Amino acid sequence: MSLKIRLARGGAKKRPFYRVVVADSRSPRDGRYIEKIGHFDPLKEKDSADRLVLDAEKAKAWMEKGAQPTDRVARLLDGLGLLKREARNNPQKAQPKKKAQERAAAAAEAAGKAAEAPAA
């Protein structure tokens, strides 16, 4: 059984509130969980003390047992200093795809030919 430390959504429409839970990875997002280890309120100020309430000892214990935090929970744990998360950076993602690069190369070639034609 693979365990995840993840967020389970609660609250009303447009008013999210999340429980930080340890759950089987196959169970639904808001469904059955093994243990609740905290809660997270994204509507509160970022520097508010009760924005994230988490039992750090339980989180450490579950990670030692093999529970893997999701990306968002890993960010929260990194903010508390419980987990070291490397920053993600993919500079290739913003580059144009193959066909767009071909069109840009063709346009540059056409512009180069147009610049040469009046000179000759």
Protein backbone atom coordinates (compact mmCIF):
# COMPACT_ATOMS: atom_id res chain seq x y z
CA MET A 1 0.00 0.00 0.00
CA SER A 2 1.55 3.30 -1.06
CA LEU A 3 0.79 6.20 1.23
CA LYS A 4 0.49 9.86 0.34
CA ILE A 5 0.45 12.95 2.49
CA ARG A 6 -1.98 15.14 0.63
CA LEU A 7 -4.66 17.80 0.87
CA ALA A 8 -8.35 16.87 1.17
CA ARG A 9 -10.64 19.74 0.18
CA GLY A 10 -13.42 20.99 2.34
CA GLY A 11 -15.26 24.26 2.73
CA ALA A 12 -17.92 25.89 0.62
CA LYS A 13 -17.90 26.90 -3.02
CA LYS A 14 -15.17 29.51 -3.64
CA ARG A 15 -14.12 29.23 0.04
CA PRO A 16 -11.57 26.38 0.09
CA PHE A 17 -10.29 24.79 3.26
CA TYR A 18 -7.98 21.79 3.23
CA ARG A 19 -7.17 19.01 5.69
CA VAL A 20 -3.65 17.61 5.53
CA VAL A 21 -4.17 13.86 5.63
CA VAL A 22 -2.26 10.62 5.23
CA ALA A 23 -4.17 8.41 2.80
CA ASP A 24 -3.78 5.43 0.53
CA SER A 25 -2.87 6.73 -2.93
CA ARG A 26 -5.80 4.82 -4.45
CA SER A 27 -8.48 6.42 -2.27
CA PRO A 28 -10.41 9.47 -3.54
CA ARG A 29 -9.20 12.99 -2.83
CA ASP A 30 -11.89 13.82 -0.29
CA GLY A 31 -12.60 10.24 0.67
CA ARG A 32 -11.22 7.82 3.20
CA TYR A 33 -7.96 8.65 4.92
CA ILE A 34 -5.81 7.03 7.59
CA GLU A 35 -5.01 10.02 9.76
CA LYS A 36 -5.53 13.78 9.79
CA ILE A 37 -2.27 15.54 10.65
CA GLY A 38 -3.26 19.17 10.15
CA HIS A 39 -5.19 21.74 8.15
CA PHE A 40 -4.44 24.50 5.65
CA ASP A 41 -6.48 27.64 4.98
CA PRO A 42 -5.29 29.34 1.76
CA LEU A 43 -7.57 32.35 2.26
CA LYS A 44 -5.62 33.59 5.26
CA GLU A 45 -2.61 35.89 4.96
CA LYS A 46 0.66 34.19 4.02
CA ASP A 47 2.33 35.31 7.25
CA SER A 48 -0.60 34.28 9.44
CA ALA A 49 0.33 31.73 12.12
CA ASP A 50 -2.84 29.67 11.73
CA ARG A 51 -2.76 29.46 7.92
CA LEU A 52 -1.07 26.07 8.23
CA VAL A 53 -1.51 24.03 11.39
CA LEU A 54 0.42 20.77 11.19
CA ASP A 55 1.59 18.14 13.66
CA ALA A 56 5.26 18.06 12.62
CA GLU A 57 6.09 14.94 14.62
CA LYS A 58 3.31 12.93 12.98
CA ALA A 59 4.37 14.15 9.54
CA LYS A 60 7.97 13.08 10.18
CA ALA A 61 6.81 9.72 11.51
CA TRP A 62 4.66 9.05 8.45
CA MET A 63 7.46 10.05 6.07
CA GLU A 64 9.79 7.64 7.89
CA LYS A 65 7.17 4.92 7.32
CA GLY A 66 7.30 5.66 3.59
CA ALA A 67 4.50 8.17 2.99
CA GLN A 68 5.30 10.47 0.07
CA PRO A 69 4.07 14.08 0.21
CA THR A 70 2.41 15.53 -2.87
CA ASP A 71 4.03 18.54 -4.51
CA ARG A 72 1.83 21.08 -2.73
CA VAL A 73 2.29 19.43 0.66
CA ALA A 74 6.04 19.23 0.00
CA ARG A 75 6.01 23.02 -0.53
CA LEU A 76 4.20 23.48 2.77
CA LEU A 77 6.60 21.16 4.60
CA ASP A 78 9.54 22.99 3.04
CA GLY A 79 8.15 26.24 4.40
CA LEU A 80 8.14 24.72 7.89
CA GLY A 81 11.65 23.34 7.45
CA LEU A 82 10.60 19.67 7.67
CA LEU A 83 11.55 18.73 4.12
CA LYS A 84 14.10 19.97 1.62
CA ARG A 85 12.46 20.41 -1.78
CA GLU A 86 14.51 21.34 -4.82
CA ALA A 87 13.11 24.13 -6.94
CA ARG A 88 11.77 23.10 -10.31
CA ASN A 89 12.86 24.96 -13.41
CA ASN A 90 12.25 23.89 -16.99
CA PRO A 91 13.58 26.53 -19.38
CA GLN A 92 12.71 24.27 -22.35
CA LYS A 93 8.98 24.55 -21.59
CA ALA A 94 8.70 28.17 -22.72
CA GLN A 95 10.43 27.61 -26.05
CA PRO A 96 8.27 27.35 -29.19
CA LYS A 97 7.52 23.89 -30.52
CA LYS A 98 8.97 22.41 -33.71
CA LYS A 99 6.52 23.85 -36.26
CA ALA A 100 6.68 27.34 -34.74
CA GLN A 101 10.49 27.20 -34.86
CA GLU A 102 10.31 26.16 -38.54
CA ARG A 103 7.96 29.09 -39.34
CA ALA A 104 10.24 31.52 -37.51
CA ALA A 105 13.27 30.20 -39.42
CA ALA A 106 11.40 30.53 -42.75
CA ALA A 107 10.34 34.08 -41.89
CA ALA A 108 13.90 35.02 -40.97
CA GLU A 109 15.18 33.50 -44.22
CA ALA A 110 12.57 35.42 -46.23
CA ALA A 111 13.49 38.64 -44.46
CA GLY A 112 17.17 37.99 -45.23
CA LYS A 113 16.41 37.46 -48.93
CA ALA A 114 14.27 40.61 -49.03
CA ALA A 115 17.12 42.62 -47.54
CA GLU A 116 19.59 41.26 -50.11
CA ALA A 117 17.35 41.83 -53.16
CA PRO A 118 17.33 45.68 -53.14
CA ALA A 119 21.09 45.76 -52.51
CA ALA A 120 21.81 43.73 -55.63
